[in-house]
PDB file of N, CA and C in Angstrom:
ATOM      1  N   MET A   1       0.917  -1.149  -0.198  1.00  0.00           N
ATOM      2  CA  MET A   1       0.059   0.116  -0.210  1.00  0.00           C
ATOM      3  C   MET A   1       0.896   1.176  -0.088  1.00  0.00           C
ATOM      4  N   ALA A   2       0.466   2.180  -0.752  1.00  0.00           N
ATOM      5  CA  ALA A   2       1.306   3.258  -0.968  1.00  0.00           C
ATOM      6  C   ALA A   2       1.057   4.369   0.208  1.00  0.00           C
ATOM      7  N   GLY A   3       2.219   4.787   0.590  1.00  0.00           N
ATOM      8  CA  GLY A   3       1.986   5.761   1.840  1.00  0.00           C
ATOM      9  C   GLY A   3       1.813   7.344   1.233  1.00  0.00           C
ATOM     10  N   PRO A   4       1.832   8.382   2.222  1.00  0.00           N
ATOM     11  CA  PRO A   4       1.730   9.736   1.965  1.00  0.00           C
ATOM     12  C   PRO A   4       3.067  10.120   0.980  1.00  0.00           C
ATOM     13  N   GLY A   5       4.190   9.483   1.612  1.00  0.00           N
ATOM     14  CA  GLY A   5       5.447   9.831   1.175  1.00  0.00           C
ATOM     15  C   GLY A   5       5.704   9.413  -0.456  1.00  0.00           C
ATOM     16  N   ASP A   6       5.265   8.580  -0.694  1.00  0.00           N
ATOM     17  CA  ASP A   6       5.114   8.047  -2.205  1.00  0.00           C
ATOM     18  C   ASP A   6       4.420   8.940  -2.961  1.00  0.00           C
ATOM     19  N   LEU A   7       3.078   9.247  -2.531  1.00  0.00           N
ATOM     20  CA  LEU A   7       2.168  10.480  -3.214  1.00  0.00           C
ATOM     21  C   LEU A   7       3.219  11.869  -3.156  1.00  0.00           C
ATOM     22  N   GLY A   8       3.791  11.929  -2.486  1.00  0.00           N
ATOM     23  CA  GLY A   8       4.521  13.425  -2.490  1.00  0.00           C
ATOM     24  C   GLY A   8       5.665  13.154  -3.521  1.00  0.00           C
ATOM     25  N   ASN A   9       6.415  12.073  -3.410  1.00  0.00           N
ATOM     26  CA  ASN A   9       7.317  11.821  -4.409  1.00  0.00           C
ATOM     27  C   ASN A   9       6.661  11.680  -6.122  1.00  0.00           C
ATOM     28  N   LEU A  10       5.590  11.180  -6.234  1.00  0.00           N
ATOM     29  CA  LEU A  10       5.126  11.050  -7.212  1.00  0.00           C
ATOM     30  C   LEU A  10       4.915  12.501  -7.813  1.00  0.00           C
ATOM     31  N   LEU A  11       4.195  13.301  -7.020  1.00  0.00           N
ATOM     32  CA  LEU A  11       3.872  14.744  -7.167  1.00  0.00           C
ATOM     33  C   LEU A  11       5.002  15.425  -7.872  1.00  0.00           C
ATOM     34  N   LYS A  12       6.204  15.337  -6.771  1.00  0.00           N
ATOM     35  CA  LYS A  12       7.609  16.118  -7.328  1.00  0.00           C
ATOM     36  C   LYS A  12       7.926  15.821  -8.494  1.00  0.00           C
ATOM     37  N   GLN A  13       7.841  14.283  -8.974  1.00  0.00           N
ATOM     38  CA  GLN A  13       8.248  13.919 -10.182  1.00  0.00           C
ATOM     39  C   GLN A  13       7.373  14.344 -11.363  1.00  0.00           C
ATOM     40  N   ALA A  14       6.074  14.571 -11.115  1.00  0.00           N
ATOM     41  CA  ALA A  14       5.243  15.064 -12.133  1.00  0.00           C
ATOM     42  C   ALA A  14       5.430  16.755 -12.140  1.00  0.00           C
ATOM     43  N   GLN A  15       5.851  17.229 -11.314  1.00  0.00           N
ATOM     44  CA  GLN A  15       6.133  18.829 -11.470  1.00  0.00           C
ATOM     45  C   GLN A  15       7.467  19.017 -12.147  1.00  0.00           C
ATOM     46  N   LYS A  16       8.288  17.975 -11.955  1.00  0.00           N
ATOM     47  CA  LYS A  16      10.037  18.126 -12.763  1.00  0.00           C
ATOM     48  C   LYS A  16       9.568  17.809 -14.251  1.00  0.00           C
ATOM     49  N   MET A  17       8.692  16.719 -14.417  1.00  0.00           N
ATOM     50  CA  MET A  17       8.641  16.629 -15.847  1.00  0.00           C
ATOM     51  C   MET A  17       7.724  17.887 -16.466  1.00  0.00           C
ATOM     52  N   GLN A  18       6.904  18.196 -15.798  1.00  0.00           N
ATOM     53  CA  GLN A  18       6.074  19.377 -16.330  1.00  0.00           C
ATOM     54  C   GLN A  18       7.261  20.426 -16.696  1.00  0.00           C
ATOM     55  N   ARG A  19       8.010  20.975 -15.740  1.00  0.00           N
ATOM     56  CA  ARG A  19       9.118  22.021 -15.856  1.00  0.00           C
ATOM     57  C   ARG A  19      10.200  21.493 -17.388  1.00  0.00           C
ATOM     58  N   GLU A  20      10.417  20.261 -17.318  1.00  0.00           N
ATOM     59  CA  GLU A  20      11.030  19.791 -18.526  1.00  0.00           C
ATOM     60  C   GLU A  20      10.218  19.685 -19.671  1.00  0.00           C
ATOM     61  N   MET A  21       9.096  19.652 -19.784  1.00  0.00           N
ATOM     62  CA  MET A  21       8.344  19.551 -21.030  1.00  0.00           C
ATOM     63  C   MET A  21       8.215  21.183 -21.341  1.00  0.00           C
ATOM     64  N   ASP A  22       7.986  22.287 -20.359  1.00  0.00           N
ATOM     65  CA  ASP A  22       7.922  23.600 -20.895  1.00  0.00           C
ATOM     66  C   ASP A  22       9.224  24.131 -21.506  1.00  0.00           C
ATOM     67  N   LEU A  23      10.376  23.474 -20.952  1.00  0.00           N
ATOM     68  CA  LEU A  23      11.689  23.813 -21.247  1.00  0.00           C
ATOM     69  C   LEU A  23      11.980  23.311 -22.605  1.00  0.00           C
ATOM     70  N   ALA A  24      11.760  22.073 -22.815  1.00  0.00           N
ATOM     71  CA  ALA A  24      11.499  21.419 -24.231  1.00  0.00           C
ATOM     72  C   ALA A  24      10.682  22.001 -25.127  1.00  0.00           C
ATOM     73  N   ARG A  25       9.113  22.608 -25.097  1.00  0.00           N
ATOM     74  CA  ARG A  25       8.274  23.289 -25.741  1.00  0.00           C
ATOM     75  C   ARG A  25       9.271  24.364 -26.309  1.00  0.00           C
ATOM     76  N   GLU A  26      10.021  25.369 -25.352  1.00  0.00           N
ATOM     77  CA  GLU A  26      10.280  26.652 -25.821  1.00  0.00           C
ATOM     78  C   GLU A  26      11.709  26.380 -26.428  1.00  0.00           C
ATOM     79  N   GLU A  27      12.255  25.306 -26.471  1.00  0.00           N
ATOM     80  CA  GLU A  27      13.516  24.921 -27.152  1.00  0.00           C
ATOM     81  C   GLU A  27      13.159  24.668 -28.617  1.00  0.00           C
ATOM     82  N   ILE A  28      11.910  23.820 -28.628  1.00  0.00           N
ATOM     83  CA  ILE A  28      11.185  23.439 -29.962  1.00  0.00           C
ATOM     84  C   ILE A  28      10.745  24.600 -30.968  1.00  0.00           C
ATOM     85  N   ARG A  29      10.350  25.775 -29.637  1.00  0.00           N
ATOM     86  CA  ARG A  29       9.914  27.036 -30.709  1.00  0.00           C
ATOM     87  C   ARG A  29      10.909  27.721 -31.166  1.00  0.00           C
ATOM     88  N   GLU A  30      11.929  27.511 -30.516  1.00  0.00           N
ATOM     89  CA  GLU A  30      13.250  28.881 -31.162  1.00  0.00           C
ATOM     90  C   GLU A  30      14.049  27.829 -31.894  1.00  0.00           C
ATOM     91  N   MET A  31      13.699  26.503 -32.384  1.00  0.00           N
ATOM     92  CA  MET A  31      14.730  25.991 -33.259  1.00  0.00           C
ATOM     93  C   MET A  31      14.536  26.379 -34.618  1.00  0.00           C
ATOM     94  N   THR A  32      15.171  26.115 -35.505  1.00  0.00           N
ATOM     95  CA  THR A  32      15.169  26.012 -36.867  1.00  0.00           C
ATOM     96  C   THR A  32      15.307  24.736 -37.651  1.00  0.00           C
ATOM     97  N   VAL A  33      14.730  24.498 -38.434  1.00  0.00           N
ATOM     98  CA  VAL A  33      14.895  23.210 -39.046  1.00  0.00           C
ATOM     99  C   VAL A  33      14.572  23.510 -40.719  1.00  0.00           C
ATOM    100  N   GLU A  34      15.400  22.832 -41.453  1.00  0.00           N
ATOM    101  CA  GLU A  34      15.670  22.872 -42.857  1.00  0.00           C
ATOM    102  C   GLU A  34      15.257  21.765 -43.639  1.00  0.00           C
ATOM    103  N   GLY A  35      14.289  22.025 -44.738  1.00  0.00           N
ATOM    104  CA  GLY A  35      14.135  21.053 -45.709  1.00  0.00           C
ATOM    105  C   GLY A  35      14.491  21.462 -46.824  1.00  0.00           C
ATOM    106  N   SER A  36      14.702  20.488 -47.718  1.00  0.00           N
ATOM    107  CA  SER A  36      15.033  21.038 -49.208  1.00  0.00           C
ATOM    108  C   SER A  36      14.774  19.869 -50.296  1.00  0.00           C
ATOM    109  N   ALA A  37      14.542  20.474 -51.543  1.00  0.00           N
ATOM    110  CA  ALA A  37      14.054  19.542 -52.692  1.00  0.00           C
ATOM    111  C   ALA A  37      14.624  20.074 -53.866  1.00  0.00           C
ATOM    112  N   GLY A  38      14.971  18.903 -54.916  1.00  0.00           N
ATOM    113  CA  GLY A  38      15.452  19.033 -56.030  1.00  0.00           C
ATOM    114  C   GLY A  38      17.244  19.459 -56.252  1.00  0.00           C
ATOM    115  N   GLY A  39      17.874  18.453 -55.014  1.00  0.00           N
ATOM    116  CA  GLY A  39      19.101  18.395 -54.584  1.00  0.00           C
ATOM    117  C   GLY A  39      19.395  19.838 -54.161  1.00  0.00           C
ATOM    118  N   GLY A  40      18.640  20.585 -53.585  1.00  0.00           N
ATOM    119  CA  GLY A  40      19.108  21.505 -52.816  1.00  0.00           C
ATOM    120  C   GLY A  40      19.073  22.842 -53.571  1.00  0.00           C
ATOM    121  N   ALA A  41      18.115  22.848 -54.648  1.00  0.00           N
ATOM    122  CA  ALA A  41      17.364  24.070 -55.714  1.00  0.00           C
ATOM    123  C   ALA A  41      16.591  24.866 -54.799  1.00  0.00           C
ATOM    124  N   ALA A  42      15.642  24.166 -54.047  1.00  0.00           N
ATOM    125  CA  ALA A  42      14.968  24.833 -53.176  1.00  0.00           C
ATOM    126  C   ALA A  42      14.865  24.262 -51.857  1.00  0.00           C
ATOM    127  N   ARG A  43      15.392  25.367 -50.879  1.00  0.00           N
ATOM    128  CA  ARG A  43      15.340  24.979 -49.328  1.00  0.00           C
ATOM    129  C   ARG A  43      14.515  25.884 -48.534  1.00  0.00           C
ATOM    130  N   VAL A  44      14.065  25.204 -47.447  1.00  0.00           N
ATOM    131  CA  VAL A  44      12.917  25.989 -46.654  1.00  0.00           C
ATOM    132  C   VAL A  44      13.406  25.896 -45.426  1.00  0.00           C
ATOM    133  N   GLU A  45      13.354  26.941 -44.353  1.00  0.00           N
ATOM    134  CA  GLU A  45      13.446  26.943 -43.121  1.00  0.00           C
ATOM    135  C   GLU A  45      12.255  26.998 -42.368  1.00  0.00           C
ATOM    136  N   VAL A  46      12.045  26.139 -41.301  1.00  0.00           N
ATOM    137  CA  VAL A  46      10.791  26.452 -40.750  1.00  0.00           C
ATOM    138  C   VAL A  46      11.269  26.285 -39.040  1.00  0.00           C
ATOM    139  N   ASP A  47      10.223  26.987 -38.396  1.00  0.00           N
ATOM    140  CA  ASP A  47      10.586  26.668 -36.972  1.00  0.00           C
ATOM    141  C   ASP A  47       9.990  25.678 -36.393  1.00  0.00           C
ATOM    142  N   GLY A  48      10.013  25.170 -34.924  1.00  0.00           N
ATOM    143  CA  GLY A  48       9.801  23.946 -34.612  1.00  0.00           C
ATOM    144  C   GLY A  48       8.320  23.394 -34.576  1.00  0.00           C
ATOM    145  N   ASP A  49       7.610  24.589 -35.097  1.00  0.00           N
ATOM    146  CA  ASP A  49       5.992  24.196 -35.051  1.00  0.00           C
ATOM    147  C   ASP A  49       5.646  23.952 -36.414  1.00  0.00           C
ATOM    148  N   GLY A  50       6.872  24.214 -37.640  1.00  0.00           N
ATOM    149  CA  GLY A  50       6.554  23.892 -38.777  1.00  0.00           C
ATOM    150  C   GLY A  50       6.101  25.168 -39.294  1.00  0.00           C
ATOM    151  N   THR A  51       6.187  26.434 -38.867  1.00  0.00           N
ATOM    152  CA  THR A  51       6.028  27.556 -39.654  1.00  0.00           C
ATOM    153  C   THR A  51       6.979  27.910 -40.407  1.00  0.00           C
ATOM    154  N   VAL A  52       6.721  28.303 -41.870  1.00  0.00           N
ATOM    155  CA  VAL A  52       7.790  28.780 -42.586  1.00  0.00           C
ATOM    156  C   VAL A  52       8.661  30.065 -42.362  1.00  0.00           C
ATOM    157  N   LYS A  53       9.643  29.960 -42.111  1.00  0.00           N
ATOM    158  CA  LYS A  53      10.578  31.215 -41.854  1.00  0.00           C
ATOM    159  C   LYS A  53      11.346  31.915 -42.848  1.00  0.00           C
ATOM    160  N   ALA A  54      11.932  30.797 -43.957  1.00  0.00           N
ATOM    161  CA  ALA A  54      12.525  31.526 -45.074  1.00  0.00           C
ATOM    162  C   ALA A  54      12.559  30.473 -46.233  1.00  0.00           C
ATOM    163  N   VAL A  55      12.533  30.883 -47.597  1.00  0.00           N
ATOM    164  CA  VAL A  55      12.698  30.314 -48.709  1.00  0.00           C
ATOM    165  C   VAL A  55      13.861  30.778 -49.452  1.00  0.00           C
ATOM    166  N   HIS A  56      14.666  29.596 -49.946  1.00  0.00           N
ATOM    167  CA  HIS A  56      16.148  29.878 -50.498  1.00  0.00           C
ATOM    168  C   HIS A  56      16.193  29.185 -52.058  1.00  0.00           C
ATOM    169  N   LEU A  57      16.123  29.772 -52.806  1.00  0.00           N
ATOM    170  CA  LEU A  57      15.921  29.342 -54.135  1.00  0.00           C
ATOM    171  C   LEU A  57      17.477  29.565 -54.744  1.00  0.00           C
ATOM    172  N   SER A  58      18.018  28.366 -55.426  1.00  0.00           N
ATOM    173  CA  SER A  58      19.269  28.295 -56.136  1.00  0.00           C
ATOM    174  C   SER A  58      19.156  29.122 -57.483  1.00  0.00           C
ATOM    175  N   GLU A  59      20.041  30.210 -57.550  1.00  0.00           N
ATOM    176  CA  GLU A  59      20.003  30.512 -59.035  1.00  0.00           C
ATOM    177  C   GLU A  59      20.299  29.704 -60.061  1.00  0.00           C
ATOM    178  N   ASP A  60      21.263  28.684 -59.775  1.00  0.00           N
ATOM    179  CA  ASP A  60      21.628  27.922 -60.961  1.00  0.00           C
ATOM    180  C   ASP A  60      20.821  26.119 -61.029  1.00  0.00           C
ATOM    181  N   ALA A  61      19.532  26.528 -60.586  1.00  0.00           N
ATOM    182  CA  ALA A  61      18.603  25.526 -60.418  1.00  0.00           C
ATOM    183  C   ALA A  61      18.171  25.004 -61.914  1.00  0.00           C
ATOM    184  N   GLY A  62      18.316  26.196 -62.728  1.00  0.00           N
ATOM    185  CA  GLY A  62      17.837  25.521 -64.215  1.00  0.00           C
ATOM    186  C   GLY A  62      16.591  25.451 -64.529  1.00  0.00           C
ATOM    187  N   LEU A  63      15.956  26.358 -63.618  1.00  0.00           N
ATOM    188  CA  LEU A  63      14.373  26.136 -64.039  1.00  0.00           C
ATOM    189  C   LEU A  63      14.027  27.297 -64.777  1.00  0.00           C
ATOM    190  N   GLY A  64      14.533  28.301 -65.107  1.00  0.00           N
ATOM    191  CA  GLY A  64      14.359  29.398 -66.007  1.00  0.00           C
ATOM    192  C   GLY A  64      12.834  29.920 -65.691  1.00  0.00           C
ATOM    193  N   ASP A  65      11.835  29.972 -66.758  1.00  0.00           N
ATOM    194  CA  ASP A  65      10.807  30.556 -66.494  1.00  0.00           C
ATOM    195  C   ASP A  65       9.520  29.195 -66.190  1.00  0.00           C
ATOM    196  N   ASP A  66       9.911  28.214 -66.088  1.00  0.00           N
ATOM    197  CA  ASP A  66       9.376  27.280 -65.367  1.00  0.00           C
ATOM    198  C   ASP A  66       8.421  27.280 -63.858  1.00  0.00           C
ATOM    199  N   MET A  67       7.752  28.268 -64.076  1.00  0.00           N
ATOM    200  CA  MET A  67       6.942  28.416 -62.780  1.00  0.00           C
ATOM    201  C   MET A  67       6.476  27.080 -61.837  1.00  0.00           C
ATOM    202  N   SER A  68       5.893  26.215 -62.856  1.00  0.00           N
ATOM    203  CA  SER A  68       5.234  24.827 -62.349  1.00  0.00           C
ATOM    204  C   SER A  68       6.528  24.173 -61.609  1.00  0.00           C
ATOM    205  N   ALA A  69       7.561  23.899 -62.365  1.00  0.00           N
ATOM    206  CA  ALA A  69       8.436  23.321 -61.633  1.00  0.00           C
ATOM    207  C   ALA A  69       8.903  24.068 -60.285  1.00  0.00           C
ATOM    208  N   LEU A  70       9.057  25.096 -60.419  1.00  0.00           N
ATOM    209  CA  LEU A  70       9.528  25.994 -59.276  1.00  0.00           C
ATOM    210  C   LEU A  70       8.723  25.866 -58.052  1.00  0.00           C
ATOM    211  N   SER A  71       7.239  25.981 -58.562  1.00  0.00           N
ATOM    212  CA  SER A  71       6.380  25.821 -57.279  1.00  0.00           C
ATOM    213  C   SER A  71       6.334  24.527 -56.816  1.00  0.00           C
ATOM    214  N   ASP A  72       6.443  23.314 -57.544  1.00  0.00           N
ATOM    215  CA  ASP A  72       6.694  21.889 -57.035  1.00  0.00           C
ATOM    216  C   ASP A  72       7.783  21.856 -55.930  1.00  0.00           C
ATOM    217  N   LEU A  73       9.046  22.469 -56.616  1.00  0.00           N
ATOM    218  CA  LEU A  73      10.147  22.425 -55.738  1.00  0.00           C
ATOM    219  C   LEU A  73       9.916  23.081 -54.323  1.00  0.00           C
ATOM    220  N   VAL A  74       9.411  24.029 -54.216  1.00  0.00           N
ATOM    221  CA  VAL A  74       9.135  24.732 -53.091  1.00  0.00           C
ATOM    222  C   VAL A  74       8.192  24.163 -52.349  1.00  0.00           C
ATOM    223  N   LEU A  75       7.190  23.608 -52.899  1.00  0.00           N
ATOM    224  CA  LEU A  75       6.175  22.776 -51.868  1.00  0.00           C
ATOM    225  C   LEU A  75       6.739  21.679 -51.434  1.00  0.00           C
ATOM    226  N   ALA A  76       7.378  20.835 -52.157  1.00  0.00           N
ATOM    227  CA  ALA A  76       8.352  19.886 -51.692  1.00  0.00           C
ATOM    228  C   ALA A  76       9.188  19.929 -50.809  1.00  0.00           C
ATOM    229  N   ALA A  77       9.960  21.212 -50.566  1.00  0.00           N
ATOM    230  CA  ALA A  77      10.915  21.611 -49.632  1.00  0.00           C
ATOM    231  C   ALA A  77      10.257  22.152 -48.365  1.00  0.00           C
ATOM    232  N   VAL A  78       8.831  22.532 -48.644  1.00  0.00           N
ATOM    233  CA  VAL A  78       7.996  22.948 -47.219  1.00  0.00           C
ATOM    234  C   VAL A  78       7.660  21.776 -46.623  1.00  0.00           C
ATOM    235  N   ARG A  79       7.146  21.039 -47.437  1.00  0.00           N
ATOM    236  CA  ARG A  79       6.764  19.561 -46.795  1.00  0.00           C
ATOM    237  C   ARG A  79       7.861  18.769 -45.989  1.00  0.00           C
ATOM    238  N   ASP A  80       9.191  18.713 -46.817  1.00  0.00           N
ATOM    239  CA  ASP A  80      10.473  18.098 -45.979  1.00  0.00           C
ATOM    240  C   ASP A  80      10.458  18.709 -44.699  1.00  0.00           C
ATOM    241  N   ALA A  81      10.797  20.099 -44.687  1.00  0.00           N
ATOM    242  CA  ALA A  81      10.968  21.003 -43.374  1.00  0.00           C
ATOM    243  C   ALA A  81       9.967  20.820 -42.641  1.00  0.00           C
ATOM    244  N   GLN A  82       8.702  20.930 -42.597  1.00  0.00           N
ATOM    245  CA  GLN A  82       7.984  20.486 -41.821  1.00  0.00           C
ATOM    246  C   GLN A  82       7.552  18.921 -41.197  1.00  0.00           C
ATOM    247  N   THR A  83       8.088  18.170 -42.229  1.00  0.00           N
ATOM    248  CA  THR A  83       8.286  16.778 -41.391  1.00  0.00           C
ATOM    249  C   THR A  83       9.391  16.574 -40.494  1.00  0.00           C
ATOM    250  N   ARG A  84      10.340  17.143 -41.188  1.00  0.00           N
ATOM    251  CA  ARG A  84      11.614  17.192 -39.996  1.00  0.00           C
ATOM    252  C   ARG A  84      11.450  17.903 -38.843  1.00  0.00           C
ATOM    253  N   ALA A  85      10.823  19.083 -38.876  1.00  0.00           N
ATOM    254  CA  ALA A  85      10.409  19.405 -37.537  1.00  0.00           C
ATOM    255  C   ALA A  85       9.604  18.930 -36.647  1.00  0.00           C
ATOM    256  N   GLU A  86       8.726  18.092 -37.235  1.00  0.00           N
ATOM    257  CA  GLU A  86       7.801  17.413 -36.853  1.00  0.00           C
ATOM    258  C   GLU A  86       8.385  16.259 -35.724  1.00  0.00           C
ATOM    259  N   GLN A  87       9.386  15.527 -36.448  1.00  0.00           N
ATOM    260  CA  GLN A  87      10.250  14.456 -36.171  1.00  0.00           C
ATOM    261  C   GLN A  87      11.087  14.906 -35.051  1.00  0.00           C
ATOM    262  N   VAL A  88      11.597  16.263 -35.303  1.00  0.00           N
ATOM    263  CA  VAL A  88      12.539  16.541 -34.102  1.00  0.00           C
ATOM    264  C   VAL A  88      11.945  16.661 -32.919  1.00  0.00           C
ATOM    265  N   LYS A  89      10.730  17.388 -32.911  1.00  0.00           N
ATOM    266  CA  LYS A  89       9.720  17.800 -31.868  1.00  0.00           C
ATOM    267  C   LYS A  89       9.322  16.504 -31.091  1.00  0.00           C
ATOM    268  N   ARG A  90       9.058  15.427 -31.804  1.00  0.00           N
ATOM    269  CA  ARG A  90       8.682  14.074 -31.333  1.00  0.00           C
ATOM    270  C   ARG A  90       9.747  13.857 -30.783  1.00  0.00           C
ATOM    271  N   GLU A  91      10.960  13.663 -31.093  1.00  0.00           N
ATOM    272  CA  GLU A  91      12.035  13.172 -30.471  1.00  0.00           C
ATOM    273  C   GLU A  91      12.496  13.856 -29.178  1.00  0.00           C
ATOM    274  N   ARG A  92      12.447  15.123 -29.226  1.00  0.00           N
ATOM    275  CA  ARG A  92      12.747  16.076 -28.171  1.00  0.00           C
ATOM    276  C   ARG A  92      11.868  15.822 -26.960  1.00  0.00           C
ATOM    277  N   LEU A  93      10.629  15.977 -27.236  1.00  0.00           N
ATOM    278  CA  LEU A  93       9.380  15.712 -26.118  1.00  0.00           C
ATOM    279  C   LEU A  93       9.476  14.231 -25.569  1.00  0.00           C
ATOM    280  N   SER A  94       9.870  13.193 -26.424  1.00  0.00           N
ATOM    281  CA  SER A  94      10.062  11.826 -25.961  1.00  0.00           C
ATOM    282  C   SER A  94      11.387  11.639 -25.136  1.00  0.00           C
ATOM    283  N   GLU A  95      12.294  12.582 -25.410  1.00  0.00           N
ATOM    284  CA  GLU A  95      13.176  12.549 -24.174  1.00  0.00           C
ATOM    285  C   GLU A  95      12.783  12.596 -22.712  1.00  0.00           C
ATOM    286  N   VAL A  96      11.809  13.684 -22.823  1.00  0.00           N
ATOM    287  CA  VAL A  96      11.510  14.493 -21.692  1.00  0.00           C
ATOM    288  C   VAL A  96      10.401  13.174 -20.724  1.00  0.00           C
ATOM    289  N   THR A  97       9.611  12.733 -21.629  1.00  0.00           N
ATOM    290  CA  THR A  97       8.597  11.488 -21.321  1.00  0.00           C
ATOM    291  C   THR A  97       9.236  10.229 -20.927  1.00  0.00           C
ATOM    292  N   GLY A  98      10.484   9.982 -21.274  1.00  0.00           N
ATOM    293  CA  GLY A  98      11.371   8.765 -21.355  1.00  0.00           C
ATOM    294  C   GLY A  98      10.615   7.863 -22.063  1.00  0.00           C
ATOM    295  N   GLY A  99      10.304   8.295 -23.359  1.00  0.00           N
ATOM    296  CA  GLY A  99       9.755   7.416 -24.325  1.00  0.00           C
ATOM    297  C   GLY A  99       8.151   6.968 -24.052  1.00  0.00           C
ATOM    298  N   MET A 100       7.631   7.497 -23.009  1.00  0.00           N
ATOM    299  CA  MET A 100       6.113   7.101 -23.037  1.00  0.00           C
ATOM    300  C   MET A 100       5.509   8.362 -23.914  1.00  0.00           C
ATOM    301  N   ASP A 101       4.186   7.254 -24.721  1.00  0.00           N
ATOM    302  CA  ASP A 101       3.352   8.267 -25.346  1.00  0.00           C
ATOM    303  C   ASP A 101       2.294   8.619 -24.853  1.00  0.00           C
ATOM    304  N   LEU A 102       2.720  10.128 -24.258  1.00  0.00           N
ATOM    305  CA  LEU A 102       1.507  10.329 -23.534  1.00  0.00           C
ATOM    306  C   LEU A 102       0.380  11.307 -24.341  1.00  0.00           C
ATOM    307  N   PRO A 103      -0.983  11.210 -24.677  1.00  0.00           N
ATOM    308  CA  PRO A 103      -1.838  11.421 -25.406  1.00  0.00           C
ATOM    309  C   PRO A 103      -1.907  13.003 -25.305  1.00  0.00           C
ATOM    310  N   GLY A 104      -1.787  14.058 -26.142  1.00  0.00           N
ATOM    311  CA  GLY A 104      -2.154  15.233 -26.160  1.00  0.00           C
ATOM    312  C   GLY A 104      -0.797  16.070 -25.797  1.00  0.00           C
ATOM    313  N   LEU A 105       0.252  15.333 -25.608  1.00  0.00           N
ATOM    314  CA  LEU A 105       1.861  16.206 -25.469  1.00  0.00           C
ATOM    315  C   LEU A 105       2.189  16.470 -26.839  1.00  0.00           C
ATOM    316  N   PHE A 106       1.823  15.939 -27.719  1.00  0.00           N
ATOM    317  CA  PHE A 106       2.495  15.843 -29.303  1.00  0.00           C
ATOM    318  C   PHE A 106       1.284  16.753 -29.891  1.00  0.00           C
TER     319      PHE A 106
END
């Protein structure tokens, strides 16, 4: 049977995990993740939440006036960056939870 001391320790652990989660979320918000497409012809930077912060297009991408191909490259780079940001976010928060999948945290 668990005593009052066990409950106190559990509460302290939960508070510690909450502080670590808050810190991890702040780190995630401040990080920058890059995605690319076309061998680097299009590069996109997103923050940890996947919001696009910058788009870089290579002058030597050889696209000329092909706006359709350019649009496809940018879209692919955005998706790549957002996928990478989500992966980094999951990995970082998983470190805090010790690998436990806690619904609502991600």
